[in-house]
Amino acid sequence: MGNREALLDGAMRCLYEKGYAHTSARDIATASGVSLAAIGYHFGTKEALLNAALVEAIGEWGDELGRALATVGVPDAGSVERFEAIWSEVIESFATHRSLWFASFESFAQIDRVPEVRRILAEGMEQGRLGLGPLFRTNEGTDDERTARAVGSFYHALMTGVLAQWLTDPERAPSASDLALALRAIAADVDSDGSAEHE
């Protein structure tokens, strides 16, 4: 493992163990067995390294979630039952990766102070948009580029909102069943042409 990979690995461990705000450059250097100077050489700043590690950790979460969905037997595509089953797994993963998601929200405080952090987070967010659509849908390949991106953006916004509620108040945050109920209610408000009804 090279120094860059060791730094990413050490930074990911620090994110889980200490969180974003409480991880120092020295913590990362110690965890990775690499010198402090290597952080500046490979990433420029500690924040840029932490955000690169955060994006990678979230990518690993997505892969893990995909494997979990493949083993639980998700219902047929297009059904509300499928939507609910997937969200049940997603919400369960919030608990097992709680430290990661807190670190994710902490990182946003850096975007105005460190331009490189904004760039890394923006790239990670775009990857999230493109990755969430296929995770939730089986017919993603039939969509045009604009539709695929719009659907991914919708799921990204939904997941971020549910996650924020779950981290703040898990007892009253929406469950997978609540989200399915909301989806049915919203779908009932949409006419057969797919546009919202207007009185």
Protein backbone atom coordinates (compact mmCIF):
# COMPACT_ATOMS: atom_id res chain seq x y z
CA MET A 1 0.00 0.00 0.00
CA GLY A 2 1.43 3.38 -1.02
CA ASN A 3 1.43 6.50 1.14
CA ARG A 4 -1.65 7.96 -0.56
CA GLU A 5 -3.70 4.80 -0.03
CA ALA A 6 -2.43 4.50 3.55
CA LEU A 7 -3.52 8.07 4.26
CA LEU A 8 -6.99 7.42 2.87
CA ASP A 9 -7.30 4.26 4.93
CA GLY A 10 -6.11 6.02 8.09
CA ALA A 11 -8.42 8.98 7.47
CA MET A 12 -11.42 6.67 7.05
CA ARG A 13 -10.66 4.95 10.35
CA CYS A 14 -10.36 8.34 12.05
CA LEU A 15 -13.72 9.43 10.62
CA TYR A 16 -15.40 6.42 12.18
CA GLU A 17 -13.53 6.61 15.49
CA LYS A 18 -13.22 10.37 16.10
CA GLY A 19 -15.54 12.07 13.65
CA TYR A 20 -14.71 14.80 11.16
CA ALA A 21 -14.35 17.82 13.46
CA HIS A 22 -12.23 16.05 16.09
CA THR A 23 -9.71 14.41 13.76
CA SER A 24 -6.32 16.13 13.59
CA ALA A 25 -3.65 15.77 10.95
CA ARG A 26 -1.50 14.02 13.55
CA ASP A 27 -4.33 11.54 14.23
CA ILE A 28 -4.39 10.62 10.55
CA ALA A 29 -0.61 10.36 10.30
CA THR A 30 -0.53 8.07 13.32
CA ALA A 31 -3.39 5.89 12.07
CA SER A 32 -1.83 5.54 8.63
CA GLY A 33 1.81 5.21 9.70
CA VAL A 34 2.74 8.03 7.33
CA SER A 35 4.44 11.37 8.01
CA LEU A 36 2.50 14.61 8.46
CA ALA A 37 4.27 16.07 5.43
CA ALA A 38 2.75 13.36 3.23
CA ILE A 39 -0.73 14.79 3.85
CA GLY A 40 0.25 18.10 2.28
CA TYR A 41 2.12 16.39 -0.55
CA HIS A 42 -0.73 14.09 -1.59
CA PHE A 43 -3.84 16.08 -0.65
CA GLY A 44 -2.85 19.68 0.09
CA THR A 45 -4.84 19.98 3.31
CA LYS A 46 -6.14 17.75 6.08
CA GLU A 47 -9.71 18.73 5.13
CA ALA A 48 -9.20 17.68 1.51
CA LEU A 49 -7.88 14.31 2.70
CA LEU A 50 -10.79 13.82 5.10
CA ASN A 51 -13.30 14.62 2.38
CA ALA A 52 -11.63 12.28 -0.10
CA ALA A 53 -11.80 9.57 2.57
CA LEU A 54 -15.43 10.47 3.26
CA VAL A 55 -16.38 10.11 -0.41
CA GLU A 56 -14.62 6.74 -0.54
CA ALA A 57 -16.31 5.56 2.66
CA ILE A 58 -19.74 6.54 1.34
CA GLY A 59 -18.94 4.65 -1.87
CA GLU A 60 -18.15 1.57 0.20
CA TRP A 61 -21.45 2.06 2.05
CA GLY A 62 -23.26 2.08 -1.30
CA ASP A 63 -21.55 -1.15 -2.35
CA GLU A 64 -22.42 -2.75 0.99
CA LEU A 65 -26.04 -1.63 0.69
CA GLY A 66 -26.23 -3.01 -2.83
CA ARG A 67 -25.03 -6.41 -1.61
CA ALA A 68 -27.56 -6.33 1.24
CA LEU A 69 -30.41 -5.55 -1.15
CA ALA A 70 -29.34 -8.44 -3.37
CA THR A 71 -29.66 -10.90 -0.49
CA VAL A 72 -32.93 -9.77 1.12
CA GLY A 73 -35.15 -10.44 -1.87
CA VAL A 74 -36.52 -7.03 -2.87
CA PRO A 75 -40.03 -7.13 -4.46
CA ASP A 76 -40.68 -6.52 -8.15
CA ALA A 77 -39.60 -3.29 -9.79
CA GLY A 78 -42.11 -0.47 -9.83
CA SER A 79 -43.96 -1.54 -6.71
CA VAL A 80 -44.37 0.52 -3.56
CA GLU A 81 -43.41 -2.66 -1.69
CA ARG A 82 -40.01 -2.55 -3.38
CA PHE A 83 -39.62 1.12 -2.44
CA GLU A 84 -40.43 0.29 1.20
CA ALA A 85 -38.11 -2.74 1.31
CA ILE A 86 -35.19 -0.73 -0.02
CA TRP A 87 -35.79 2.12 2.41
CA SER A 88 -35.95 -0.34 5.28
CA GLU A 89 -32.40 -1.44 4.43
CA VAL A 90 -31.22 2.15 3.92
CA ILE A 91 -32.54 3.32 7.29
CA GLU A 92 -31.07 0.27 9.03
CA SER A 93 -27.70 1.18 7.52
CA PHE A 94 -27.93 4.64 9.11
CA ALA A 95 -27.52 2.96 12.50
CA THR A 96 -24.60 0.77 11.49
CA HIS A 97 -22.79 3.71 9.86
CA ARG A 98 -23.86 6.45 12.27
CA SER A 99 -20.33 7.88 12.69
CA LEU A 100 -19.89 8.12 8.93
CA TRP A 101 -23.08 10.14 8.49
CA PHE A 102 -22.27 12.52 11.32
CA ALA A 103 -18.87 13.09 9.71
CA SER A 104 -20.58 13.75 6.40
CA PHE A 105 -22.70 16.54 7.86
CA GLU A 106 -19.72 17.98 9.75
CA SER A 107 -17.77 18.31 6.50
CA PHE A 108 -20.22 20.84 5.05
CA ALA A 109 -18.99 23.45 7.53
CA GLN A 110 -15.71 23.56 5.57
CA ILE A 111 -17.00 24.31 2.07
CA ASP A 112 -16.72 28.11 2.27
CA ARG A 113 -13.36 28.02 4.04
CA VAL A 114 -11.53 25.45 1.92
CA PRO A 115 -12.34 25.56 -1.84
CA GLU A 116 -10.80 22.11 -2.37
CA VAL A 117 -13.30 20.67 0.09
CA ARG A 118 -16.18 22.16 -1.91
CA ARG A 119 -14.79 20.60 -5.10
CA ILE A 120 -14.38 17.15 -3.54
CA LEU A 121 -17.84 17.22 -1.96
CA ALA A 122 -19.43 18.44 -5.20
CA GLU A 123 -17.83 15.59 -7.12
CA GLY A 124 -18.95 13.12 -4.46
CA MET A 125 -22.49 14.49 -4.59
CA GLU A 126 -22.59 14.06 -8.35
CA GLN A 127 -21.40 10.46 -7.96
CA GLY A 128 -24.20 9.99 -5.44
CA ARG A 129 -26.80 11.29 -7.88
CA LEU A 130 -25.61 8.90 -10.56
CA GLY A 131 -25.33 5.94 -8.18
CA LEU A 132 -28.59 6.17 -6.26
CA GLY A 133 -30.88 5.81 -9.27
CA PRO A 134 -29.63 2.32 -10.22
CA LEU A 135 -29.67 1.33 -6.54
CA PHE A 136 -33.37 2.07 -6.21
CA ARG A 137 -34.58 1.21 -9.71
CA THR A 138 -34.12 -1.76 -12.05
CA ASN A 139 -35.09 0.05 -15.28
CA GLU A 140 -32.54 2.85 -14.88
CA GLY A 141 -30.83 1.90 -18.16
CA THR A 142 -33.91 2.84 -20.18
CA ASP A 143 -33.88 6.48 -19.02
CA ASP A 144 -32.31 9.31 -20.97
CA GLU A 145 -29.46 11.17 -19.31
CA ARG A 146 -31.59 14.03 -17.99
CA THR A 147 -34.18 11.69 -16.48
CA ALA A 148 -31.55 9.46 -14.88
CA ARG A 149 -29.87 12.46 -13.28
CA ALA A 150 -33.18 13.94 -12.12
CA VAL A 151 -34.24 10.66 -10.51
CA GLY A 152 -30.85 10.30 -8.82
CA SER A 153 -31.09 13.88 -7.55
CA PHE A 154 -34.56 13.17 -6.15
CA TYR A 155 -33.36 10.11 -4.24
CA HIS A 156 -30.28 12.00 -3.06
CA ALA A 157 -32.47 14.80 -1.67
CA LEU A 158 -34.84 12.30 -0.06
CA MET A 159 -32.02 10.33 1.53
CA THR A 160 -30.28 13.45 2.85
CA GLY A 161 -33.51 14.70 4.40
CA VAL A 162 -34.40 11.38 6.01
CA LEU A 163 -30.84 11.02 7.26
CA ALA A 164 -30.87 14.49 8.84
CA GLN A 165 -34.12 13.65 10.64
CA TRP A 166 -32.81 10.26 11.75
CA LEU A 167 -29.56 11.66 13.15
CA THR A 168 -31.41 14.42 15.00
CA ASP A 169 -34.48 12.57 16.25
CA PRO A 170 -34.49 8.86 15.36
CA GLU A 171 -37.62 8.18 17.42
CA ARG A 172 -39.75 10.49 15.27
CA ALA A 173 -37.90 10.22 11.97
CA PRO A 174 -39.93 8.61 9.16
CA SER A 175 -39.75 4.84 8.83
CA ALA A 176 -39.72 2.94 5.56
CA SER A 177 -43.45 2.36 6.07
CA ASP A 178 -44.00 6.11 6.55
CA LEU A 179 -42.13 6.87 3.32
CA ALA A 180 -44.19 4.30 1.42
CA LEU A 181 -47.39 5.82 2.82
CA ALA A 182 -46.24 9.27 1.72
CA LEU A 183 -45.37 7.98 -1.75
CA ARG A 184 -48.87 6.53 -2.17
CA ALA A 185 -50.44 9.82 -1.05
CA ILE A 186 -48.26 11.88 -3.40
CA ALA A 187 -48.94 9.50 -6.30
CA ALA A 188 -52.67 9.91 -5.70
CA ASP A 189 -52.25 13.66 -6.22
CA VAL A 190 -50.67 13.19 -9.64
CA ASP A 191 -52.86 12.85 -12.71
CA SER A 192 -52.49 10.23 -15.42
CA ASP A 193 -50.24 12.53 -17.48
CA GLY A 194 -47.75 12.73 -14.63
CA SER A 195 -48.38 16.38 -13.83
CA ALA A 196 -49.71 17.74 -10.55
CA GLU A 197 -53.44 18.40 -10.49
CA HIS A 198 -54.49 22.02 -10.42
CA GLU A 199 -57.87 23.14 -9.27
